[in-house]
Amino acid sequence: MAAATSVVGGLAAVTGLASVGAASYFARRVVTPESERPDDALVTALDRAADPPTVTFRADEWSTAPGRYGLWFAADTGHARIGDVLSRDDDRGEVTRELHGVDQGDLAPGPARWSGYYFSGPPDRSLGLDHENVRIAGELGDNPAWVVPAGDGERWAVLVHGRGATREETLRAVPVLHELGITALVVSYRNDTDAPASLDGRYGLGLHEWRDVDAAMAYAVGRGAQELILFGWSMGGAIVLQTLEQSRGSDRVSRVVLDGPVVDWADVIRHQAAINRVPRPVGALGQMLLGGKVGRHLIGLHEPLEIGLTDWVARADELRHPILLIHSQDDGFVPYGPSAALASARPDLVTYARWEVAEHCREWNTDPQRWERLVHDYCAGPDPRAGREALAAATRQ
């Protein structure tokens, strides 16, 4: 009996260690910047002489998706802009799309990678808009940024990209802002490939990165900004929400635009565990490790992450700024449920624009006209701070 008990105990210990190991690995993936992404497209033919020029792909979920996209090729050294589907050959398993242009490299048949970055490169090259290359002094060092001047320089928008993304993700917003006379500040933050790394080289899921956005806001104010608009995509949305709560400069923020935002990291982690076939207990343990002292060493975090502070459905009463929240019900990476719940909890602040067909942060890609119209009308409206200030003054009387 004693021997049997010992064997059972040993198996339980081994199982427990295996679970901790799996949970640690899963949690590390959540907070570790991705170094490379695999190709997921196959170009089979090009016809530059066609009117319009075309490119043909092997048919799959991505190549048949509606809208316009970026295409990286030649180990991400080349970039092309791809338009709508023109035809589909089911017998050959191919789909032909419009080729809007090749920005860099020599596009040829072969492997490639789909991207939501329709625009690639600095604003002067990708958008035809003059810009400045600047460096913003942050907590860990200088963060590179692009400034696209517009108008009288009193209204600035700070554009914050998502996890594993680059500044180019946010360029889609710049033309409509420029049309409105709003200067765009396209920022980077810690652990970006071109920005300083944190001590642990891990993402803080917005709990640390907000300080870099705070520094960007201070930079804009130092250059004459009287009003700030914050934009955030994916984890950039989580960063913006933390900034609104933590930054002493948040009173300068008139309104916010969030696209496919992480409103509740716990929900995203559960979803990622499910789609990656991580057992629910292991996924839950991974989340616990992110916030615990033991997990700090297993995952390589400099300090634990309080995941509960990223649940803005639970913290909805703390929000003070109007938000245009754009999210697709088809988002397979960051589920739209928490966004819808936040909109229901704060209908006085949140304007919810739901897309039916768009993958993660590709709402603009599938319907750029609608996206730009929504953002234009939202940012063109009167400064809502005036109403807040009048209400505060009336309350003091």
Protein backbone atom coordinates (compact mmCIF):
# COMPACT_ATOMS: atom_id res chain seq x y z
CA MET A 1 0.00 0.00 0.00
CA ALA A 2 2.80 2.38 0.90
CA ALA A 3 4.50 1.69 -2.42
CA ALA A 4 1.27 2.30 -4.31
CA THR A 5 0.71 5.55 -2.44
CA SER A 6 4.24 6.63 -3.28
CA VAL A 7 3.71 5.90 -6.97
CA VAL A 8 0.42 7.84 -7.01
CA GLY A 9 2.05 10.72 -5.22
CA GLY A 10 4.93 10.69 -7.66
CA LEU A 11 2.60 10.71 -10.65
CA ALA A 12 0.64 13.59 -9.16
CA ALA A 13 3.84 15.55 -8.65
CA VAL A 14 4.97 14.90 -12.21
CA THR A 15 1.54 15.88 -13.53
CA GLY A 16 1.60 19.03 -11.44
CA LEU A 17 5.04 19.99 -12.70
CA ALA A 18 3.96 19.33 -16.28
CA SER A 19 0.92 21.58 -15.80
CA VAL A 20 3.05 24.36 -14.34
CA GLY A 21 5.49 24.00 -17.21
CA ALA A 22 2.73 24.15 -19.81
CA ALA A 23 1.11 27.11 -18.06
CA SER A 24 4.44 28.94 -17.89
CA TYR A 25 5.04 28.37 -21.59
CA PHE A 26 1.56 29.61 -22.47
CA ALA A 27 1.92 32.71 -20.27
CA ARG A 28 5.34 33.51 -21.76
CA ARG A 29 3.81 33.48 -25.23
CA VAL A 30 1.25 36.06 -24.12
CA VAL A 31 3.87 38.57 -22.95
CA THR A 32 6.81 37.83 -25.27
CA PRO A 33 7.22 39.95 -28.43
CA GLU A 34 7.12 37.87 -31.61
CA SER A 35 10.36 37.89 -33.57
CA GLU A 36 9.01 36.58 -36.87
CA ARG A 37 5.81 35.49 -38.56
CA PRO A 38 5.43 32.63 -41.04
CA ASP A 39 4.26 33.06 -44.62
CA ASP A 40 0.57 32.28 -45.08
CA ALA A 41 -0.02 33.09 -48.76
CA LEU A 42 1.08 31.67 -52.10
CA VAL A 43 1.27 33.90 -55.18
CA THR A 44 0.75 31.77 -58.29
CA ALA A 45 0.66 34.38 -61.06
CA LEU A 46 0.84 38.11 -61.85
CA ASP A 47 -0.50 40.10 -64.77
CA ARG A 48 0.83 43.66 -64.70
CA ALA A 49 -0.44 44.29 -68.24
CA ALA A 50 -4.06 43.70 -67.26
CA ASP A 51 -6.39 46.62 -66.61
CA PRO A 52 -6.36 46.73 -63.66
CA PRO A 53 -3.16 44.80 -62.88
CA THR A 54 -3.86 41.53 -61.07
CA VAL A 55 -2.24 39.00 -58.79
CA THR A 56 -3.45 35.41 -58.39
CA PHE A 57 -3.24 33.43 -55.16
CA ARG A 58 -3.92 29.93 -53.96
CA ALA A 59 -7.48 30.15 -52.62
CA ASP A 60 -7.81 30.00 -48.84
CA GLU A 61 -9.46 31.86 -45.97
CA TRP A 62 -7.18 34.87 -46.27
CA SER A 63 -6.88 35.22 -50.03
CA THR A 64 -10.67 35.18 -50.46
CA ALA A 65 -11.40 37.70 -47.68
CA PRO A 66 -13.13 40.91 -48.82
CA GLY A 67 -11.29 44.22 -48.78
CA ARG A 68 -7.81 45.59 -49.35
CA TYR A 69 -4.65 44.38 -47.64
CA GLY A 70 -0.90 44.54 -47.50
CA LEU A 71 1.24 41.66 -48.72
CA TRP A 72 4.76 41.07 -47.43
CA PHE A 73 7.05 38.95 -49.58
CA ALA A 74 10.74 38.05 -49.98
CA ALA A 75 11.18 37.44 -46.23
CA ASP A 76 9.27 40.64 -45.44
CA THR A 77 11.64 42.83 -47.46
CA GLY A 78 9.00 43.54 -50.12
CA HIS A 79 5.52 45.00 -49.77
CA ALA A 80 2.54 45.20 -52.13
CA ARG A 81 -0.97 46.64 -51.84
CA ILE A 82 -3.71 44.17 -52.76
CA GLY A 83 -7.28 45.13 -53.68
CA ASP A 84 -10.62 43.35 -53.90
CA VAL A 85 -11.30 39.89 -55.30
CA LEU A 86 -11.94 40.04 -59.05
CA SER A 87 -12.55 36.37 -59.84
CA ARG A 88 -12.28 32.88 -58.42
CA ASP A 89 -11.42 29.60 -60.14
CA ASP A 90 -12.64 26.79 -57.91
CA ASP A 91 -11.36 24.10 -60.30
CA ARG A 92 -7.82 25.40 -60.00
CA GLY A 93 -8.21 26.45 -56.37
CA GLU A 94 -7.15 30.01 -57.15
CA VAL A 95 -8.43 33.53 -56.61
CA THR A 96 -7.45 36.65 -58.55
CA ARG A 97 -7.34 40.06 -56.90
CA GLU A 98 -6.54 43.58 -58.00
CA LEU A 99 -2.93 44.67 -57.58
CA HIS A 100 -2.95 48.28 -56.38
CA GLY A 101 0.81 48.67 -56.34
CA VAL A 102 4.20 47.41 -55.20
CA ASP A 103 5.86 49.72 -52.69
CA GLN A 104 9.18 47.91 -52.38
CA GLY A 105 10.81 44.79 -53.78
CA ASP A 106 10.02 42.73 -56.86
CA LEU A 107 6.77 40.79 -56.46
CA ALA A 108 6.90 37.36 -58.10
CA PRO A 109 5.15 34.00 -57.73
CA GLY A 110 6.07 32.35 -54.45
CA PRO A 111 5.35 32.47 -50.71
CA ALA A 112 4.16 35.67 -49.06
CA ARG A 113 2.37 36.90 -45.95
CA TRP A 114 -0.94 38.71 -45.60
CA SER A 115 -1.05 41.86 -43.49
CA GLY A 116 -3.55 44.46 -42.38
CA TYR A 117 -0.87 47.07 -43.16
CA TYR A 118 -2.12 48.36 -46.49
CA PHE A 119 0.25 51.31 -46.10
CA SER A 120 3.94 50.56 -45.62
CA GLY A 121 6.80 52.86 -44.74
CA PRO A 122 7.02 56.45 -43.50
CA PRO A 123 4.06 58.75 -44.21
CA ASP A 124 5.82 60.72 -46.94
CA ARG A 125 6.38 57.54 -48.93
CA SER A 126 3.22 55.59 -48.08
CA LEU A 127 0.69 58.43 -47.90
CA GLY A 128 2.33 61.29 -49.76
CA LEU A 129 2.20 63.44 -46.61
CA ASP A 130 5.12 65.37 -45.19
CA HIS A 131 6.27 64.14 -41.81
CA GLU A 132 8.98 64.58 -39.20
CA ASN A 133 11.04 61.81 -37.67
CA VAL A 134 11.21 62.57 -33.96
CA ARG A 135 12.35 60.84 -30.79
CA ILE A 136 10.26 61.12 -27.64
CA ALA A 137 12.05 60.89 -24.30
CA GLY A 138 10.43 58.05 -22.38
CA GLU A 139 11.01 56.24 -19.12
CA LEU A 140 13.42 53.75 -20.71
CA GLY A 141 14.97 55.93 -23.41
CA ASP A 142 14.01 57.62 -26.66
CA ASN A 143 11.04 56.20 -28.56
CA PRO A 144 10.96 56.98 -32.31
CA ALA A 145 7.78 58.51 -33.70
CA TRP A 146 6.38 60.18 -36.80
CA VAL A 147 4.72 63.59 -36.67
CA VAL A 148 2.39 64.40 -39.58
CA PRO A 149 1.57 68.12 -39.20
CA ALA A 150 -1.89 69.45 -40.06
CA GLY A 151 -4.02 72.49 -39.31
CA ASP A 152 -2.97 75.06 -36.74
CA GLY A 153 -1.20 72.53 -34.54
CA GLU A 154 -3.62 72.77 -31.63
CA ARG A 155 -5.36 69.43 -32.18
CA TRP A 156 -3.20 66.31 -32.03
CA ALA A 157 -4.03 62.62 -32.29
CA VAL A 158 -1.74 60.06 -30.64
CA LEU A 159 -1.87 56.74 -32.54
CA VAL A 160 -0.97 53.57 -30.60
CA HIS A 161 -0.46 50.25 -32.42
CA GLY A 162 -1.10 46.78 -31.04
CA ARG A 163 0.88 43.83 -29.72
CA GLY A 164 3.57 42.64 -32.10
CA ALA A 165 2.65 45.37 -34.57
CA THR A 166 4.52 48.44 -35.80
CA ARG A 167 3.66 52.08 -36.32
CA GLU A 168 2.53 51.24 -39.85
CA GLU A 169 -0.59 49.58 -38.45
CA THR A 170 -1.99 52.99 -37.53
CA LEU A 171 -1.26 54.83 -40.80
CA ARG A 172 -4.78 54.11 -42.04
CA ALA A 173 -6.07 56.82 -39.70
CA VAL A 174 -3.67 59.54 -40.81
CA PRO A 175 -5.39 60.73 -44.05
CA VAL A 176 -8.74 61.40 -42.39
CA LEU A 177 -7.01 63.19 -39.50
CA HIS A 178 -5.00 65.28 -41.95
CA GLU A 179 -8.21 66.24 -43.74
CA LEU A 180 -9.61 67.45 -40.41
CA GLY A 181 -6.53 69.54 -39.64
CA ILE A 182 -5.44 67.24 -36.80
CA THR A 183 -1.72 66.60 -36.39
CA ALA A 184 -0.98 62.88 -36.13
CA LEU A 185 1.66 61.58 -33.72
CA VAL A 186 2.41 57.97 -34.66
CA VAL A 187 4.22 56.49 -31.67
CA SER A 188 6.30 53.49 -30.67
CA TYR A 189 6.64 52.06 -27.18
CA ARG A 190 8.87 49.79 -25.12
CA ASN A 191 9.82 46.44 -26.66
CA ASP A 192 9.03 47.57 -30.19
CA THR A 193 11.81 46.54 -32.55
CA ASP A 194 12.92 50.17 -32.90
CA ALA A 195 12.33 51.27 -29.29
CA PRO A 196 14.12 50.57 -25.99
CA ALA A 197 13.49 47.19 -24.39
CA SER A 198 12.12 46.87 -20.88
CA LEU A 199 14.24 45.23 -18.19
CA ASP A 200 12.52 41.89 -18.79
CA GLY A 201 11.83 42.25 -22.52
CA ARG A 202 8.20 41.35 -21.85
CA TYR A 203 4.95 43.13 -22.63
CA GLY A 204 3.12 44.70 -19.70
CA LEU A 205 -0.26 44.33 -21.47
CA GLY A 206 -0.77 48.09 -21.14
CA LEU A 207 0.07 48.25 -17.44
CA HIS A 208 3.58 49.55 -18.24
CA GLU A 209 3.37 50.79 -21.83
CA TRP A 210 0.97 53.59 -20.90
CA ARG A 211 3.96 55.54 -19.57
CA ASP A 212 5.35 55.80 -23.10
CA VAL A 213 2.02 57.12 -24.37
CA ASP A 214 1.98 59.56 -21.46
CA ALA A 215 5.39 60.80 -22.62
CA ALA A 216 4.04 61.17 -26.17
CA MET A 217 1.10 63.21 -24.87
CA ALA A 218 3.50 65.49 -22.98
CA TYR A 219 5.55 65.87 -26.16
CA ALA A 220 2.46 66.94 -28.12
CA VAL A 221 1.46 69.44 -25.44
CA GLY A 222 5.01 70.80 -25.46
CA ARG A 223 4.59 71.50 -29.16
CA GLY A 224 1.35 73.41 -28.72
CA ALA A 225 -1.38 70.78 -28.54
CA GLN A 226 -4.46 72.06 -26.74
CA GLU A 227 -6.59 68.99 -27.44
CA LEU A 228 -5.57 65.35 -27.67
CA ILE A 229 -7.37 62.42 -29.28
CA LEU A 230 -6.09 58.95 -28.44
CA PHE A 231 -6.32 56.06 -30.92
CA GLY A 232 -5.58 52.46 -29.96
CA TRP A 233 -5.60 49.20 -31.92
CA SER A 234 -5.73 45.81 -30.14
CA MET A 235 -3.29 45.95 -27.20
CA GLY A 236 -2.92 49.60 -28.10
CA GLY A 237 -6.50 49.94 -26.90
CA ALA A 238 -5.54 48.40 -23.56
CA ILE A 239 -2.62 50.84 -23.38
CA VAL A 240 -4.89 53.80 -24.11
CA LEU A 241 -7.40 52.76 -21.45
CA GLN A 242 -4.63 52.58 -18.86
CA THR A 243 -3.34 55.97 -20.03
CA LEU A 244 -6.74 57.57 -19.49
CA GLU A 245 -6.74 56.31 -15.91
CA GLN A 246 -3.08 56.85 -15.02
CA SER A 247 -1.87 59.91 -16.92
CA ARG A 248 -1.95 63.32 -15.29
CA GLY A 249 -2.41 64.72 -18.78
CA SER A 250 -5.64 62.86 -19.48
CA ASP A 251 -7.68 66.05 -19.01
CA ARG A 252 -6.26 67.16 -22.34
CA VAL A 253 -7.92 64.17 -24.02
CA SER A 254 -11.21 65.11 -25.65
CA ARG A 255 -12.17 61.72 -27.10
CA VAL A 256 -10.87 58.24 -27.85
CA VAL A 257 -11.03 55.87 -30.84
CA LEU A 258 -10.47 52.15 -30.18
CA ASP A 259 -10.25 49.52 -32.92
CA GLY A 260 -10.44 45.83 -31.96
CA PRO A 261 -9.30 46.74 -28.44
CA VAL A 262 -8.36 44.45 -25.60
CA VAL A 263 -10.97 45.52 -23.06
CA ASP A 264 -10.38 42.55 -20.74
CA TRP A 265 -7.11 40.62 -20.90
CA ALA A 266 -8.50 37.73 -18.86
CA ASP A 267 -11.12 37.14 -21.56
CA VAL A 268 -8.49 37.25 -24.30
CA ILE A 269 -6.23 34.83 -22.44
CA ARG A 270 -9.11 32.38 -21.98
CA HIS A 271 -9.95 32.64 -25.66
CA GLN A 272 -6.35 32.15 -26.75
CA ALA A 273 -6.07 29.09 -24.51
CA ALA A 274 -9.21 27.63 -26.10
CA ILE A 275 -8.21 28.17 -29.74
CA ASN A 276 -4.71 26.84 -29.05
CA ARG A 277 -6.21 23.75 -27.35
CA VAL A 278 -4.66 24.57 -24.01
CA PRO A 279 -6.68 22.81 -21.28
CA ARG A 280 -8.78 25.28 -19.33
CA PRO A 281 -7.04 24.60 -15.98
CA VAL A 282 -3.65 25.14 -17.61
CA GLY A 283 -4.80 28.40 -19.18
CA ALA A 284 -6.20 29.58 -15.85
CA LEU A 285 -2.93 28.67 -14.15
CA GLY A 286 -1.02 30.62 -16.78
CA GLN A 287 -3.11 33.69 -16.01
CA MET A 288 -2.43 33.24 -12.29
CA LEU A 289 1.30 32.95 -12.95
CA LEU A 290 1.28 36.30 -14.77
CA GLY A 291 0.12 37.97 -11.58
CA GLY A 292 2.08 35.99 -8.99
CA LYS A 293 5.57 36.24 -7.54
CA VAL A 294 6.37 32.63 -8.44
CA GLY A 295 5.22 33.20 -12.01
CA ARG A 296 7.43 36.26 -12.22
CA HIS A 297 10.47 33.98 -12.19
CA LEU A 298 8.94 31.24 -14.36
CA ILE A 299 7.82 33.69 -17.04
CA GLY A 300 10.69 36.15 -16.76
CA LEU A 301 8.65 39.16 -15.66
CA HIS A 302 10.37 41.98 -13.80
CA GLU A 303 7.20 42.44 -11.76
CA PRO A 304 3.82 40.66 -11.65
CA LEU A 305 0.97 41.87 -13.87
CA GLU A 306 -2.34 42.61 -12.14
CA ILE A 307 -4.62 41.26 -14.85
CA GLY A 308 -7.72 42.40 -12.95
CA LEU A 309 -6.74 46.01 -13.62
CA THR A 310 -7.22 45.38 -17.35
CA ASP A 311 -10.92 44.47 -17.03
CA TRP A 312 -12.66 47.63 -18.22
CA VAL A 313 -16.09 46.06 -18.15
CA ALA A 314 -15.68 45.71 -14.39
CA ARG A 315 -14.08 49.17 -14.24
CA ALA A 316 -16.58 50.84 -16.57
CA ASP A 317 -17.69 53.33 -13.90
CA GLU A 318 -14.16 54.76 -13.83
CA LEU A 319 -14.22 55.89 -17.46
CA ARG A 320 -14.61 59.63 -18.13
CA HIS A 321 -13.85 60.08 -21.82
CA PRO A 322 -16.11 59.56 -24.86
CA ILE A 323 -15.08 56.50 -26.88
CA LEU A 324 -15.75 55.43 -30.45
CA LEU A 325 -15.34 51.65 -30.20
CA ILE A 326 -14.95 49.74 -33.46
CA HIS A 327 -14.91 45.94 -33.24
CA SER A 328 -15.81 43.05 -35.52
CA GLN A 329 -17.95 40.17 -34.35
CA ASP A 330 -15.75 38.07 -36.66
CA ASP A 331 -12.59 38.87 -34.67
CA GLY A 332 -10.91 35.53 -34.01
CA PHE A 333 -8.04 36.90 -31.94
CA VAL A 334 -9.61 39.40 -29.53
CA PRO A 335 -13.30 38.49 -29.04
CA TYR A 336 -15.74 41.37 -29.34
CA GLY A 337 -17.83 40.31 -26.31
CA PRO A 338 -16.12 42.60 -23.76
CA SER A 339 -16.35 45.54 -26.19
CA ALA A 340 -20.09 45.00 -26.54
CA ALA A 341 -20.41 44.63 -22.76
CA LEU A 342 -18.52 47.87 -22.19
CA ALA A 343 -20.77 49.68 -24.65
CA SER A 344 -23.82 48.35 -22.80
CA ALA A 345 -22.37 49.36 -19.44
CA ARG A 346 -21.54 52.94 -20.54
CA PRO A 347 -23.91 53.99 -23.33
CA ASP A 348 -23.40 57.57 -22.18
CA LEU A 349 -19.74 57.43 -23.24
CA VAL A 350 -19.27 54.59 -25.71
CA THR A 351 -20.38 54.74 -29.34
CA TYR A 352 -20.19 51.15 -30.55
CA ALA A 353 -19.64 50.44 -34.25
CA ARG A 354 -19.84 46.71 -34.90
CA TRP A 355 -18.46 45.08 -38.05
CA GLU A 356 -19.89 41.76 -39.16
CA VAL A 357 -17.06 40.55 -41.40
CA ALA A 358 -13.50 41.50 -40.50
CA GLU A 359 -10.62 39.71 -38.84
CA HIS A 360 -8.70 41.25 -35.98
CA CYS A 361 -8.12 45.00 -36.49
CA ARG A 362 -9.05 44.71 -40.17
CA GLU A 363 -12.26 46.69 -40.02
CA TRP A 364 -10.71 49.44 -42.14
CA ASN A 365 -9.46 46.84 -44.62
CA THR A 366 -12.91 45.38 -45.25
CA ASP A 367 -14.81 48.69 -45.38
CA PRO A 368 -12.49 51.72 -45.48
CA GLN A 369 -15.27 54.09 -46.50
CA ARG A 370 -17.38 53.28 -43.45
CA TRP A 371 -14.39 53.35 -41.12
CA GLU A 372 -13.18 56.71 -42.38
CA ARG A 373 -16.67 58.21 -42.30
CA LEU A 374 -17.19 57.13 -38.68
CA VAL A 375 -13.82 58.46 -37.57
CA HIS A 376 -14.23 61.69 -39.53
CA ASP A 377 -17.64 62.49 -38.10
CA TYR A 378 -16.61 61.51 -34.58
CA CYS A 379 -13.44 63.61 -34.56
CA ALA A 380 -15.06 66.54 -36.38
CA GLY A 381 -17.67 67.03 -33.66
CA PRO A 382 -17.48 69.72 -30.98
CA ASP A 383 -15.01 69.26 -28.16
CA PRO A 384 -16.95 67.31 -25.50
CA ARG A 385 -14.69 68.72 -22.79
CA ALA A 386 -16.59 72.01 -23.01
CA GLY A 387 -19.72 70.28 -21.77
CA ARG A 388 -17.82 68.55 -18.97
CA GLU A 389 -16.24 71.82 -17.87
CA ALA A 390 -19.60 73.62 -17.90
CA LEU A 391 -21.17 70.86 -15.83
CA ALA A 392 -18.29 70.97 -13.34
CA ALA A 393 -18.61 74.76 -13.04
CA ALA A 394 -22.36 74.51 -12.46
CA THR A 395 -21.80 71.88 -9.78
CA ARG A 396 -19.36 74.13 -7.92
CA GLN A 397 -21.84 77.05 -7.77
